[in-house]
C-alpha atoms as a PDB file:
ATOM      1  CA  UNK A   1      14.964 -38.057 -34.335  1.00  0.00           C
ATOM      2  CA  UNK A   2      14.236 -39.530 -30.912  1.00  0.00           C
ATOM      3  CA  UNK A   3      12.558 -37.472 -28.226  1.00  0.00           C
ATOM      4  CA  UNK A   4      14.820 -36.053 -25.562  1.00  0.00           C
ATOM      5  CA  UNK A   5      15.008 -34.684 -22.040  1.00  0.00           C
ATOM      6  CA  UNK A   6      16.262 -31.122 -21.562  1.00  0.00           C
ATOM      7  CA  UNK A   7      19.539 -30.888 -19.614  1.00  0.00           C
ATOM      8  CA  UNK A   8      18.512 -27.889 -17.487  1.00  0.00           C
ATOM      9  CA  UNK A   9      19.418 -24.400 -18.725  1.00  0.00           C
ATOM     10  CA  UNK A  10      22.291 -25.350 -21.049  1.00  0.00           C
ATOM     11  CA  UNK A  11      19.840 -25.979 -23.856  1.00  0.00           C
ATOM     12  CA  UNK A  12      21.612 -29.266 -24.688  1.00  0.00           C
ATOM     13  CA  UNK A  13      19.118 -32.139 -24.517  1.00  0.00           C
ATOM     14  CA  UNK A  14      19.858 -35.486 -22.934  1.00  0.00           C
ATOM     15  CA  UNK A  15      18.706 -38.368 -25.119  1.00  0.00           C
ATOM     16  CA  UNK A  16      16.195 -40.790 -23.678  1.00  0.00           C
ATOM     17  CA  UNK A  17      18.501 -43.631 -24.723  1.00  0.00           C
ATOM     18  CA  UNK A  18      21.293 -42.239 -22.548  1.00  0.00           C
ATOM     19  CA  UNK A  19      18.951 -41.659 -19.629  1.00  0.00           C
ATOM     20  CA  UNK A  20      17.686 -45.244 -19.854  1.00  0.00           C
ATOM     21  CA  UNK A  21      21.180 -46.670 -20.351  1.00  0.00           C
ATOM     22  CA  UNK A  22      22.548 -44.966 -17.252  1.00  0.00           C
ATOM     23  CA  UNK A  23      19.530 -46.059 -15.228  1.00  0.00           C
ATOM     24  CA  UNK A  24      20.073 -49.657 -16.356  1.00  0.00           C
ATOM     25  CA  UNK A  25      23.809 -49.416 -15.582  1.00  0.00           C
ATOM     26  CA  UNK A  26      23.054 -48.245 -12.036  1.00  0.00           C
ATOM     27  CA  UNK A  27      20.661 -51.110 -11.470  1.00  0.00           C
ATOM     28  CA  UNK A  28      22.878 -53.812 -12.944  1.00  0.00           C
ATOM     29  CA  UNK A  29      26.481 -54.932 -12.636  1.00  0.00           C
ATOM     30  CA  UNK A  30      27.567 -55.458 -16.235  1.00  0.00           C
ATOM     31  CA  UNK A  31      28.700 -51.920 -17.164  1.00  0.00           C
ATOM     32  CA  UNK A  32      31.900 -50.324 -15.892  1.00  0.00           C
ATOM     33  CA  UNK A  33      31.697 -47.047 -17.804  1.00  0.00           C
ATOM     34  CA  UNK A  34      29.828 -45.156 -20.519  1.00  0.00           C
ATOM     35  CA  UNK A  35      31.276 -42.619 -22.956  1.00  0.00           C
ATOM     36  CA  UNK A  36      29.038 -39.604 -23.604  1.00  0.00           C
ATOM     37  CA  UNK A  37      29.376 -37.008 -26.365  1.00  0.00           C
ATOM     38  CA  UNK A  38      27.486 -33.967 -27.590  1.00  0.00           C
ATOM     39  CA  UNK A  39      26.378 -34.951 -31.091  1.00  0.00           C
ATOM     40  CA  UNK A  40      24.124 -32.691 -33.160  1.00  0.00           C
ATOM     41  CA  UNK A  41      23.420 -30.634 -30.025  1.00  0.00           C
ATOM     42  CA  UNK A  42      22.321 -33.682 -28.052  1.00  0.00           C
ATOM     43  CA  UNK A  43      23.990 -35.643 -25.239  1.00  0.00           C
ATOM     44  CA  UNK A  44      24.265 -39.243 -26.411  1.00  0.00           C
ATOM     45  CA  UNK A  45      25.988 -42.438 -25.341  1.00  0.00           C
ATOM     46  CA  UNK A  46      28.613 -43.420 -27.919  1.00  0.00           C
ATOM     47  CA  UNK A  47      30.320 -46.381 -26.222  1.00  0.00           C
ATOM     48  CA  UNK A  48      30.176 -48.653 -23.190  1.00  0.00           C
ATOM     49  CA  UNK A  49      32.707 -50.907 -21.508  1.00  0.00           C
ATOM     50  CA  UNK A  50      31.828 -54.034 -19.505  1.00  0.00           C
ATOM     51  CA  UNK A  51      32.675 -54.428 -15.834  1.00  0.00           C
ATOM     52  CA  UNK A  52      35.117 -57.059 -14.575  1.00  0.00           C
ATOM     53  CA  UNK A  53      36.257 -57.811 -11.047  1.00  0.00           C
ATOM     54  CA  UNK A  54      39.508 -55.870 -11.675  1.00  0.00           C
ATOM     55  CA  UNK A  55      38.722 -52.164 -11.278  1.00  0.00           C
ATOM     56  CA  UNK A  56      42.267 -50.984 -12.056  1.00  0.00           C
ATOM     57  CA  UNK A  57      42.356 -52.887 -15.335  1.00  0.00           C
ATOM     58  CA  UNK A  58      38.937 -51.530 -16.281  1.00  0.00           C
ATOM     59  CA  UNK A  59      39.926 -47.948 -15.460  1.00  0.00           C
ATOM     60  CA  UNK A  60      43.087 -48.165 -17.557  1.00  0.00           C
ATOM     61  CA  UNK A  61      40.875 -48.956 -20.571  1.00  0.00           C
ATOM     62  CA  UNK A  62      39.187 -45.554 -20.441  1.00  0.00           C
ATOM     63  CA  UNK A  63      41.815 -43.704 -22.484  1.00  0.00           C
ATOM     64  CA  UNK A  64      41.364 -46.272 -25.274  1.00  0.00           C
ATOM     65  CA  UNK A  65      37.990 -44.627 -25.867  1.00  0.00           C
ATOM     66  CA  UNK A  66      39.411 -41.133 -26.346  1.00  0.00           C
ATOM     67  CA  UNK A  67      39.453 -40.079 -29.985  1.00  0.00           C
ATOM     68  CA  UNK A  68      42.194 -37.550 -30.720  1.00  0.00           C
ATOM     69  CA  UNK A  69      41.099 -33.976 -30.102  1.00  0.00           C
ATOM     70  CA  UNK A  70      37.416 -34.842 -29.680  1.00  0.00           C
ATOM     71  CA  UNK A  71      36.022 -33.932 -26.208  1.00  0.00           C
ATOM     72  CA  UNK A  72      33.858 -36.402 -24.322  1.00  0.00           C
ATOM     73  CA  UNK A  73      32.534 -37.333 -20.909  1.00  0.00           C
ATOM     74  CA  UNK A  74      32.943 -40.730 -19.263  1.00  0.00           C
ATOM     75  CA  UNK A  75      30.831 -41.881 -16.306  1.00  0.00           C
ATOM     76  CA  UNK A  76      32.548 -44.639 -14.346  1.00  0.00           C
ATOM     77  CA  UNK A  77      31.066 -47.085 -11.839  1.00  0.00           C
ATOM     78  CA  UNK A  78      33.280 -47.292  -8.737  1.00  0.00           C
ATOM     79  CA  UNK A  79      33.523 -50.259  -6.382  1.00  0.00           C
ATOM     80  CA  UNK A  80      32.659 -48.073  -3.385  1.00  0.00           C
ATOM     81  CA  UNK A  81      29.063 -47.606  -2.232  1.00  0.00           C
ATOM     82  CA  UNK A  82      26.836 -45.066  -0.531  1.00  0.00           C
ATOM     83  CA  UNK A  83      23.196 -45.154   0.503  1.00  0.00           C
ATOM     84  CA  UNK A  84      22.209 -44.835  -3.192  1.00  0.00           C
ATOM     85  CA  UNK A  85      24.188 -47.911  -4.227  1.00  0.00           C
ATOM     86  CA  UNK A  86      27.440 -47.983  -6.195  1.00  0.00           C
ATOM     87  CA  UNK A  87      29.181 -44.624  -6.459  1.00  0.00           C
ATOM     88  CA  UNK A  88      30.016 -43.077  -9.829  1.00  0.00           C
ATOM     89  CA  UNK A  89      32.682 -40.684 -11.098  1.00  0.00           C
ATOM     90  CA  UNK A  90      32.358 -38.162 -13.929  1.00  0.00           C
ATOM     91  CA  UNK A  91      35.377 -37.688 -16.195  1.00  0.00           C
ATOM     92  CA  UNK A  92      35.544 -34.676 -18.501  1.00  0.00           C
ATOM     93  CA  UNK A  93      38.099 -34.943 -21.331  1.00  0.00           C
ATOM     94  CA  UNK A  94      38.488 -31.613 -23.161  1.00  0.00           C
ATOM     95  CA  UNK A  95      41.709 -31.568 -25.266  1.00  0.00           C
ATOM     96  CA  UNK A  96      43.558 -28.267 -25.677  1.00  0.00           C
ATOM     97  CA  UNK A  97      43.520 -28.600 -29.451  1.00  0.00           C
ATOM     98  CA  UNK A  98      39.752 -29.008 -29.808  1.00  0.00           C
ATOM     99  CA  UNK A  99      37.664 -26.082 -31.155  1.00  0.00           C
ATOM    100  CA  UNK A 100      37.024 -23.299 -28.639  1.00  0.00           C
ATOM    101  CA  UNK A 101      33.256 -23.593 -29.036  1.00  0.00           C
ATOM    102  CA  UNK A 102      33.373 -27.300 -28.149  1.00  0.00           C
ATOM    103  CA  UNK A 103      35.502 -26.605 -25.097  1.00  0.00           C
ATOM    104  CA  UNK A 104      33.066 -23.948 -23.917  1.00  0.00           C
ATOM    105  CA  UNK A 105      30.092 -26.230 -24.625  1.00  0.00           C
ATOM    106  CA  UNK A 106      31.521 -29.218 -22.777  1.00  0.00           C
ATOM    107  CA  UNK A 107      32.693 -27.019 -19.905  1.00  0.00           C
ATOM    108  CA  UNK A 108      29.293 -25.367 -19.435  1.00  0.00           C
ATOM    109  CA  UNK A 109      27.350 -28.636 -19.744  1.00  0.00           C
ATOM    110  CA  UNK A 110      29.497 -30.772 -17.417  1.00  0.00           C
ATOM    111  CA  UNK A 111      27.878 -29.987 -14.071  1.00  0.00           C
ATOM    112  CA  UNK A 112      24.407 -29.875 -15.611  1.00  0.00           C
ATOM    113  CA  UNK A 113      24.903 -33.365 -17.042  1.00  0.00           C
ATOM    114  CA  UNK A 114      25.896 -34.693 -13.645  1.00  0.00           C
ATOM    115  CA  UNK A 115      22.957 -33.053 -11.892  1.00  0.00           C
ATOM    116  CA  UNK A 116      20.567 -34.376 -14.515  1.00  0.00           C
ATOM    117  CA  UNK A 117      21.816 -37.949 -14.194  1.00  0.00           C
ATOM    118  CA  UNK A 118      21.661 -37.523 -10.411  1.00  0.00           C
ATOM    119  CA  UNK A 119      24.344 -35.684  -8.432  1.00  0.00           C
ATOM    120  CA  UNK A 120      23.919 -37.974  -5.435  1.00  0.00           C
ATOM    121  CA  UNK A 121      25.258 -40.900  -7.458  1.00  0.00           C
ATOM    122  CA  UNK A 122      28.582 -39.117  -8.125  1.00  0.00           C
ATOM    123  CA  UNK A 123      31.276 -39.007  -5.453  1.00  0.00           C
ATOM    124  CA  UNK A 124      34.183 -37.508  -7.420  1.00  0.00           C
ATOM    125  CA  UNK A 125      35.141 -35.760 -10.672  1.00  0.00           C
ATOM    126  CA  UNK A 126      38.215 -35.719 -12.884  1.00  0.00           C
ATOM    127  CA  UNK A 127      38.940 -33.079 -15.531  1.00  0.00           C
ATOM    128  CA  UNK A 128      41.826 -32.979 -17.978  1.00  0.00           C
ATOM    129  CA  UNK A 129      43.092 -32.126 -21.439  1.00  0.00           C
ATOM    130  CA  UNK A 130      45.388 -35.107 -22.130  1.00  0.00           C
ATOM    131  CA  UNK A 131      44.969 -38.891 -21.733  1.00  0.00           C
ATOM    132  CA  UNK A 132      47.714 -38.810 -19.066  1.00  0.00           C
ATOM    133  CA  UNK A 133      45.376 -36.739 -16.880  1.00  0.00           C
ATOM    134  CA  UNK A 134      43.167 -39.847 -16.623  1.00  0.00           C
ATOM    135  CA  UNK A 135      45.751 -42.456 -15.700  1.00  0.00           C
ATOM    136  CA  UNK A 136      44.956 -44.872 -12.889  1.00  0.00           C
ATOM    137  CA  UNK A 137      47.628 -43.117 -10.793  1.00  0.00           C
ATOM    138  CA  UNK A 138      45.832 -39.798 -11.270  1.00  0.00           C
ATOM    139  CA  UNK A 139      42.601 -41.477 -10.195  1.00  0.00           C
ATOM    140  CA  UNK A 140      44.266 -42.694  -6.980  1.00  0.00           C
ATOM    141  CA  UNK A 141      45.414 -39.147  -6.194  1.00  0.00           C
ATOM    142  CA  UNK A 142      41.905 -37.795  -6.785  1.00  0.00           C
ATOM    143  CA  UNK A 143      40.295 -40.421  -4.568  1.00  0.00           C
ATOM    144  CA  UNK A 144      42.893 -39.906  -1.837  1.00  0.00           C
ATOM    145  CA  UNK A 145      42.094 -36.189  -1.748  1.00  0.00           C
ATOM    146  CA  UNK A 146      38.390 -36.976  -1.514  1.00  0.00           C
ATOM    147  CA  UNK A 147      38.972 -39.297   1.454  1.00  0.00           C
ATOM    148  CA  UNK A 148      41.312 -36.878   3.235  1.00  0.00           C
ATOM    149  CA  UNK A 149      38.957 -33.932   2.893  1.00  0.00           C
ATOM    150  CA  UNK A 150      35.339 -34.979   2.344  1.00  0.00           C
ATOM    151  CA  UNK A 151      33.167 -32.259   0.799  1.00  0.00           C
ATOM    152  CA  UNK A 152      29.470 -31.582   0.786  1.00  0.00           C
ATOM    153  CA  UNK A 153      27.670 -31.672  -2.557  1.00  0.00           C
ATOM    154  CA  UNK A 154      27.598 -27.867  -2.645  1.00  0.00           C
ATOM    155  CA  UNK A 155      31.353 -27.730  -1.970  1.00  0.00           C
ATOM    156  CA  UNK A 156      32.047 -30.254  -4.722  1.00  0.00           C
ATOM    157  CA  UNK A 157      30.094 -28.149  -7.227  1.00  0.00           C
ATOM    158  CA  UNK A 158      31.775 -24.953  -6.056  1.00  0.00           C
ATOM    159  CA  UNK A 159      35.269 -26.435  -6.320  1.00  0.00           C
ATOM    160  CA  UNK A 160      34.577 -27.865  -9.782  1.00  0.00           C
ATOM    161  CA  UNK A 161      33.379 -24.505 -11.042  1.00  0.00           C
ATOM    162  CA  UNK A 162      36.343 -22.669  -9.491  1.00  0.00           C
ATOM    163  CA  UNK A 163      38.896 -25.008 -11.072  1.00  0.00           C
ATOM    164  CA  UNK A 164      37.247 -25.156 -14.521  1.00  0.00           C
ATOM    165  CA  UNK A 165      39.445 -24.406 -17.524  1.00  0.00           C
ATOM    166  CA  UNK A 166      36.707 -22.507 -19.369  1.00  0.00           C
ATOM    167  CA  UNK A 167      35.472 -18.972 -18.728  1.00  0.00           C
ATOM    168  CA  UNK A 168      31.844 -19.343 -19.760  1.00  0.00           C
ATOM    169  CA  UNK A 169      31.289 -15.616 -20.307  1.00  0.00           C
ATOM    170  CA  UNK A 170      34.236 -15.077 -22.654  1.00  0.00           C
ATOM    171  CA  UNK A 171      36.205 -16.837 -25.353  1.00  0.00           C
ATOM    172  CA  UNK A 172      39.219 -17.227 -23.067  1.00  0.00           C
ATOM    173  CA  UNK A 173      40.315 -20.797 -22.447  1.00  0.00           C
ATOM    174  CA  UNK A 174      40.854 -20.541 -18.699  1.00  0.00           C
ATOM    175  CA  UNK A 175      39.719 -18.926 -15.510  1.00  0.00           C
ATOM    176  CA  UNK A 176      42.112 -17.691 -12.846  1.00  0.00           C
ATOM    177  CA  UNK A 177      42.799 -20.286 -10.182  1.00  0.00           C
ATOM    178  CA  UNK A 178      41.874 -19.017  -6.752  1.00  0.00           C
ATOM    179  CA  UNK A 179      44.218 -21.567  -5.153  1.00  0.00           C
ATOM    180  CA  UNK A 180      47.239 -20.665  -7.317  1.00  0.00           C
ATOM    181  CA  UNK A 181      47.434 -16.903  -7.968  1.00  0.00           C
ATOM    182  CA  UNK A 182      50.466 -15.478  -9.784  1.00  0.00           C
ATOM    183  CA  UNK A 183      53.077 -13.881  -7.516  1.00  0.00           C
ATOM    184  CA  UNK A 184      53.848 -10.200  -8.193  1.00  0.00           C
ATOM    185  CA  UNK A 185      57.528 -10.830  -8.965  1.00  0.00           C
ATOM    186  CA  UNK A 186      56.500 -13.459 -11.530  1.00  0.00           C
ATOM    187  CA  UNK A 187      54.020 -11.037 -13.083  1.00  0.00           C
ATOM    188  CA  UNK A 188      56.704  -8.339 -13.378  1.00  0.00           C
ATOM    189  CA  UNK A 189      59.093 -10.790 -15.061  1.00  0.00           C
ATOM    190  CA  UNK A 190      56.470 -11.810 -17.624  1.00  0.00           C
ATOM    191  CA  UNK A 191      55.669  -8.189 -18.430  1.00  0.00           C
ATOM    192  CA  UNK A 192      59.314  -7.565 -19.329  1.00  0.00           C
ATOM    193  CA  UNK A 193      59.952 -10.677 -21.441  1.00  0.00           C
ATOM    194  CA  UNK A 194      59.483  -8.689 -24.640  1.00  0.00           C
ATOM    195  CA  UNK A 195      62.257  -6.227 -23.847  1.00  0.00           C
ATOM    196  CA  UNK A 196      64.450  -7.609 -21.055  1.00  0.00           C
ATOM    197  CA  UNK A 197      65.149 -11.233 -20.114  1.00  0.00           C
ATOM    198  CA  UNK A 198      64.412 -13.805 -22.814  1.00  0.00           C
ATOM    199  CA  UNK A 199      63.669 -16.665 -20.386  1.00  0.00           C
ATOM    200  CA  UNK A 200      61.068 -16.649 -17.614  1.00  0.00           C
ATOM    201  CA  UNK A 201      60.330 -19.834 -15.690  1.00  0.00           C
ATOM    202  CA  UNK A 202      57.478 -20.353 -13.254  1.00  0.00           C
ATOM    203  CA  UNK A 203      56.974 -23.041 -10.634  1.00  0.00           C
ATOM    204  CA  UNK A 204      54.277 -23.918  -8.114  1.00  0.00           C
ATOM    205  CA  UNK A 205      54.699 -23.364  -4.399  1.00  0.00           C
ATOM    206  CA  UNK A 206      52.628 -26.270  -3.117  1.00  0.00           C
ATOM    207  CA  UNK A 207      52.565 -24.992   0.483  1.00  0.00           C
ATOM    208  CA  UNK A 208      51.502 -21.434  -0.355  1.00  0.00           C
ATOM    209  CA  UNK A 209      49.463 -22.583  -3.378  1.00  0.00           C
ATOM    210  CA  UNK A 210      50.878 -19.857  -5.613  1.00  0.00           C
ATOM    211  CA  UNK A 211      52.616 -19.616  -8.987  1.00  0.00           C
ATOM    212  CA  UNK A 212      56.118 -18.313  -8.266  1.00  0.00           C
ATOM    213  CA  UNK A 213      59.060 -17.087 -10.337  1.00  0.00           C
ATOM    214  CA  UNK A 214      61.721 -19.792 -10.647  1.00  0.00           C
ATOM    215  CA  UNK A 215      64.162 -17.697 -12.630  1.00  0.00           C
ATOM    216  CA  UNK A 216      64.391 -14.915 -15.231  1.00  0.00           C
ATOM    217  CA  UNK A 217      67.510 -14.652 -17.375  1.00  0.00           C
ATOM    218  CA  UNK A 218      68.858 -14.425 -20.893  1.00  0.00           C
ATOM    219  CA  UNK A 219      69.140 -17.738 -22.738  1.00  0.00           C
ATOM    220  CA  UNK A 220      69.653 -18.969 -26.277  1.00  0.00           C
ATOM    221  CA  UNK A 221      67.982 -21.773 -28.198  1.00  0.00           C
ATOM    222  CA  UNK A 222      71.211 -23.779 -28.114  1.00  0.00           C
ATOM    223  CA  UNK A 223      71.372 -23.951 -24.308  1.00  0.00           C
ATOM    224  CA  UNK A 224      67.652 -23.774 -23.518  1.00  0.00           C
ATOM    225  CA  UNK A 225      67.422 -27.485 -22.747  1.00  0.00           C
ATOM    226  CA  UNK A 226      69.916 -27.164 -19.900  1.00  0.00           C
ATOM    227  CA  UNK A 227      67.570 -24.697 -18.162  1.00  0.00           C
ATOM    228  CA  UNK A 228      64.775 -27.261 -17.867  1.00  0.00           C
ATOM    229  CA  UNK A 229      64.641 -28.875 -14.379  1.00  0.00           C
ATOM    230  CA  UNK A 230      64.983 -32.649 -14.341  1.00  0.00           C
ATOM    231  CA  UNK A 231      63.279 -33.306 -10.994  1.00  0.00           C
ATOM    232  CA  UNK A 232      60.015 -31.339 -11.208  1.00  0.00           C
ATOM    233  CA  UNK A 233      57.522 -29.935 -13.729  1.00  0.00           C
ATOM    234  CA  UNK A 234      57.996 -26.351 -14.858  1.00  0.00           C
ATOM    235  CA  UNK A 235      56.382 -23.608 -16.965  1.00  0.00           C
ATOM    236  CA  UNK A 236      58.895 -21.915 -19.279  1.00  0.00           C
ATOM    237  CA  UNK A 237      58.307 -18.807 -21.397  1.00  0.00           C
ATOM    238  CA  UNK A 238      61.072 -18.270 -23.963  1.00  0.00           C
ATOM    239  CA  UNK A 239      61.482 -15.346 -26.364  1.00  0.00           C
ATOM    240  CA  UNK A 240      62.959 -17.044 -29.412  1.00  0.00           C
ATOM    241  CA  UNK A 241      65.056 -14.346 -31.123  1.00  0.00           C
ATOM    242  CA  UNK A 242      66.064 -15.577 -34.587  1.00  0.00           C
ATOM    243  CA  UNK A 243      65.887 -14.936 -38.315  1.00  0.00           C
ATOM    244  CA  UNK A 244      63.461 -16.710 -40.619  1.00  0.00           C
ATOM    245  CA  UNK A 245      62.657 -16.125 -44.279  1.00  0.00           C
ATOM    246  CA  UNK A 246      64.855 -13.044 -44.263  1.00  0.00           C
ATOM    247  CA  UNK A 247      63.185 -11.448 -41.229  1.00  0.00           C
ATOM    248  CA  UNK A 248      64.247 -11.017 -37.607  1.00  0.00           C
ATOM    249  CA  UNK A 249      61.443 -12.309 -35.396  1.00  0.00           C
ATOM    250  CA  UNK A 250      60.986 -12.932 -31.659  1.00  0.00           C
ATOM    251  CA  UNK A 251      58.001 -15.216 -30.974  1.00  0.00           C
ATOM    252  CA  UNK A 252      57.325 -16.261 -27.387  1.00  0.00           C
ATOM    253  CA  UNK A 253      57.133 -20.020 -26.888  1.00  0.00           C
ATOM    254  CA  UNK A 254      55.460 -21.639 -23.879  1.00  0.00           C
ATOM    255  CA  UNK A 255      57.077 -24.906 -22.784  1.00  0.00           C
ATOM    256  CA  UNK A 256      55.415 -27.214 -20.270  1.00  0.00           C
ATOM    257  CA  UNK A 257      58.004 -29.708 -19.045  1.00  0.00           C
ATOM    258  CA  UNK A 258      56.984 -32.670 -16.903  1.00  0.00           C
ATOM    259  CA  UNK A 259      59.691 -35.280 -16.134  1.00  0.00           C
ATOM    260  CA  UNK A 260      58.567 -38.896 -16.092  1.00  0.00           C
ATOM    261  CA  UNK A 261      60.027 -39.276 -12.610  1.00  0.00           C
ATOM    262  CA  UNK A 262      58.123 -36.333 -11.106  1.00  0.00           C
ATOM    263  CA  UNK A 263      55.767 -36.989  -8.203  1.00  0.00           C
ATOM    264  CA  UNK A 264      52.225 -37.866  -9.209  1.00  0.00           C
ATOM    265  CA  UNK A 265      50.776 -35.045  -7.109  1.00  0.00           C
ATOM    266  CA  UNK A 266      53.037 -32.521  -8.843  1.00  0.00           C
ATOM    267  CA  UNK A 267      52.068 -33.855 -12.271  1.00  0.00           C
ATOM    268  CA  UNK A 268      48.392 -33.478 -11.441  1.00  0.00           C
ATOM    269  CA  UNK A 269      48.707 -29.966 -10.023  1.00  0.00           C
ATOM    270  CA  UNK A 270      50.897 -28.613 -12.813  1.00  0.00           C
ATOM    271  CA  UNK A 271      48.576 -30.082 -15.431  1.00  0.00           C
ATOM    272  CA  UNK A 272      45.597 -28.429 -13.722  1.00  0.00           C
ATOM    273  CA  UNK A 273      47.264 -25.014 -13.328  1.00  0.00           C
ATOM    274  CA  UNK A 274      48.837 -24.987 -16.808  1.00  0.00           C
ATOM    275  CA  UNK A 275      45.899 -23.214 -18.477  1.00  0.00           C
ATOM    276  CA  UNK A 276      45.771 -20.599 -15.713  1.00  0.00           C
ATOM    277  CA  UNK A 277      49.526 -19.983 -16.078  1.00  0.00           C
ATOM    278  CA  UNK A 278      49.289 -19.279 -19.813  1.00  0.00           C
ATOM    279  CA  UNK A 279      46.161 -17.222 -19.299  1.00  0.00           C
ATOM    280  CA  UNK A 280      47.701 -14.961 -16.666  1.00  0.00           C
ATOM    281  CA  UNK A 281      50.788 -14.568 -18.882  1.00  0.00           C
ATOM    282  CA  UNK A 282      48.551 -13.294 -21.664  1.00  0.00           C
ATOM    283  CA  UNK A 283      46.985 -10.887 -19.170  1.00  0.00           C
ATOM    284  CA  UNK A 284      50.510  -9.582 -18.561  1.00  0.00           C
ATOM    285  CA  UNK A 285      50.809  -8.745 -22.252  1.00  0.00           C
ATOM    286  CA  UNK A 286      52.597 -11.907 -23.409  1.00  0.00           C
ATOM    287  CA  UNK A 287      51.511 -13.189 -26.816  1.00  0.00           C
ATOM    288  CA  UNK A 288      52.211 -16.918 -26.928  1.00  0.00           C
ATOM    289  CA  UNK A 289      52.948 -18.022 -30.482  1.00  0.00           C
ATOM    290  CA  UNK A 290      53.552 -21.709 -29.767  1.00  0.00           C
ATOM    291  CA  UNK A 291      52.891 -24.186 -26.942  1.00  0.00           C
ATOM    292  CA  UNK A 292      55.161 -27.205 -26.499  1.00  0.00           C
ATOM    293  CA  UNK A 293      55.111 -30.112 -24.032  1.00  0.00           C
ATOM    294  CA  UNK A 294      58.237 -32.133 -23.234  1.00  0.00           C
ATOM    295  CA  UNK A 295      59.406 -34.669 -20.674  1.00  0.00           C
ATOM    296  CA  UNK A 296      63.114 -33.885 -20.546  1.00  0.00           C
ATOM    297  CA  UNK A 297      65.296 -30.883 -21.348  1.00  0.00           C
ATOM    298  CA  UNK A 298      67.352 -32.986 -23.748  1.00  0.00           C
ATOM    299  CA  UNK A 299      64.394 -32.946 -26.162  1.00  0.00           C
ATOM    300  CA  UNK A 300      64.625 -29.163 -26.457  1.00  0.00           C
ATOM    301  CA  UNK A 301      67.294 -28.710 -29.116  1.00  0.00           C
ATOM    302  CA  UNK A 302      67.588 -25.689 -31.417  1.00  0.00           C
ATOM    303  CA  UNK A 303      66.522 -27.840 -34.372  1.00  0.00           C
ATOM    304  CA  UNK A 304      63.465 -29.143 -32.516  1.00  0.00           C
ATOM    305  CA  UNK A 305      62.462 -25.642 -31.474  1.00  0.00           C
ATOM    306  CA  UNK A 306      62.837 -24.307 -35.010  1.00  0.00           C
ATOM    307  CA  UNK A 307      60.728 -27.128 -36.445  1.00  0.00           C
ATOM    308  CA  UNK A 308      57.986 -26.546 -33.883  1.00  0.00           C
ATOM    309  CA  UNK A 309      57.840 -22.813 -34.550  1.00  0.00           C
ATOM    310  CA  UNK A 310      58.195 -23.226 -38.334  1.00  0.00           C
ATOM    311  CA  UNK A 311      56.551 -26.533 -39.332  1.00  0.00           C
ATOM    312  CA  UNK A 312      57.191 -27.891 -42.852  1.00  0.00           C
ATOM    313  CA  UNK A 313      55.153 -25.986 -45.436  1.00  0.00           C
ATOM    314  CA  UNK A 314      54.156 -29.049 -47.441  1.00  0.00           C
ATOM    315  CA  UNK A 315      52.184 -30.436 -44.476  1.00  0.00           C
ATOM    316  CA  UNK A 316      50.233 -27.214 -44.177  1.00  0.00           C
ATOM    317  CA  UNK A 317      49.575 -27.097 -47.929  1.00  0.00           C
ATOM    318  CA  UNK A 318      48.095 -30.576 -47.965  1.00  0.00           C
ATOM    319  CA  UNK A 319      45.821 -29.763 -45.052  1.00  0.00           C
ATOM    320  CA  UNK A 320      44.668 -26.532 -46.716  1.00  0.00           C
ATOM    321  CA  UNK A 321      43.473 -28.307 -49.865  1.00  0.00           C
ATOM    322  CA  UNK A 322      41.768 -31.271 -48.237  1.00  0.00           C
ATOM    323  CA  UNK A 323      38.322 -31.548 -49.827  1.00  0.00           C
ATOM    324  CA  UNK A 324      35.573 -31.277 -47.173  1.00  0.00           C
ATOM    325  CA  UNK A 325      32.860 -33.904 -46.861  1.00  0.00           C
ATOM    326  CA  UNK A 326      29.574 -33.038 -48.569  1.00  0.00           C
ATOM    327  CA  UNK A 327      26.678 -32.447 -46.188  1.00  0.00           C
ATOM    328  CA  UNK A 328      25.131 -35.721 -45.161  1.00  0.00           C
ATOM    329  CA  UNK A 329      27.993 -37.761 -46.675  1.00  0.00           C
ATOM    330  CA  UNK A 330      30.196 -38.109 -43.618  1.00  0.00           C
ATOM    331  CA  UNK A 331      31.411 -41.434 -42.336  1.00  0.00           C
ATOM    332  CA  UNK A 332      28.856 -43.326 -40.243  1.00  0.00           C
ATOM    333  CA  UNK A 333      29.440 -43.118 -36.498  1.00  0.00           C
ATOM    334  CA  UNK A 334      30.661 -46.337 -34.977  1.00  0.00           C
ATOM    335  CA  UNK A 335      29.406 -47.118 -31.493  1.00  0.00           C
ATOM    336  CA  UNK A 336      31.770 -49.444 -29.704  1.00  0.00           C
ATOM    337  CA  UNK A 337      30.051 -52.145 -27.704  1.00  0.00           C
ATOM    338  CA  UNK A 338      31.743 -54.918 -25.852  1.00  0.00           C
END
């Protein structure tokens, strides 16, 4: 095993190969971005992408390097410069479906990785749980915010920590958002979803920077789709009262709807606050049995809802009896180089 450089107090070492590769990338002009993963408790470079004179085209290639539910970091060379040379951006991709330990590990190592590589080289960050969170349009929004309200290095670190989706001291998958607290009326509605109204919808007040109650009412699976707004994202909590396998059950389903025609800023904010919304709902006593993401209300039919809550048994059976790889017999890692 190669020698390594300790990445501060996280205990995760930074490989010498990665350190040298990033140093070479800063000094040259052939690399647009590097993908970094934590492999065998070590930060390593697992792919690189060459730089062209078309930054937008290069940036749109980043999501091609995401591998399903596997978290990773990506450090991207920007075309802008500061007194240290070309500026860089750190992207942190931590999918919702990845193991909790990995999410906690990547969340707690993110800022340490950046400081170890050299915080002064980085002018902006992006964090997300889906490839859509790293679209070129999302990048433009992030850069526009940075230009409109420049921050000191300490403020950048503070904001990143405040908006993180991992609570490092617990196994929870979020931290409360200081900028978007839950309104009292919304909290009261969530607390009563088990006994009163079956539908509670939340929306963001962008001016007040709060999570507000959109509506609370009784609804059925057959007309649920008509309750989904077509012009803005929305958080919907639905108590699905129905019978299954001879039992009456009432699981609560969380539905994140984000229309394709919604404003980019709204898409970014809702995606960022989504984890805090589900987390605060759980604090209100709501047990979320299933999380669903849709683009339009028309997708939300009774049949679709039933299939999501009760997936086919044969698929689960196959997964349960998949033979695990023997130790040391896994597939060799492929490092993509172009």
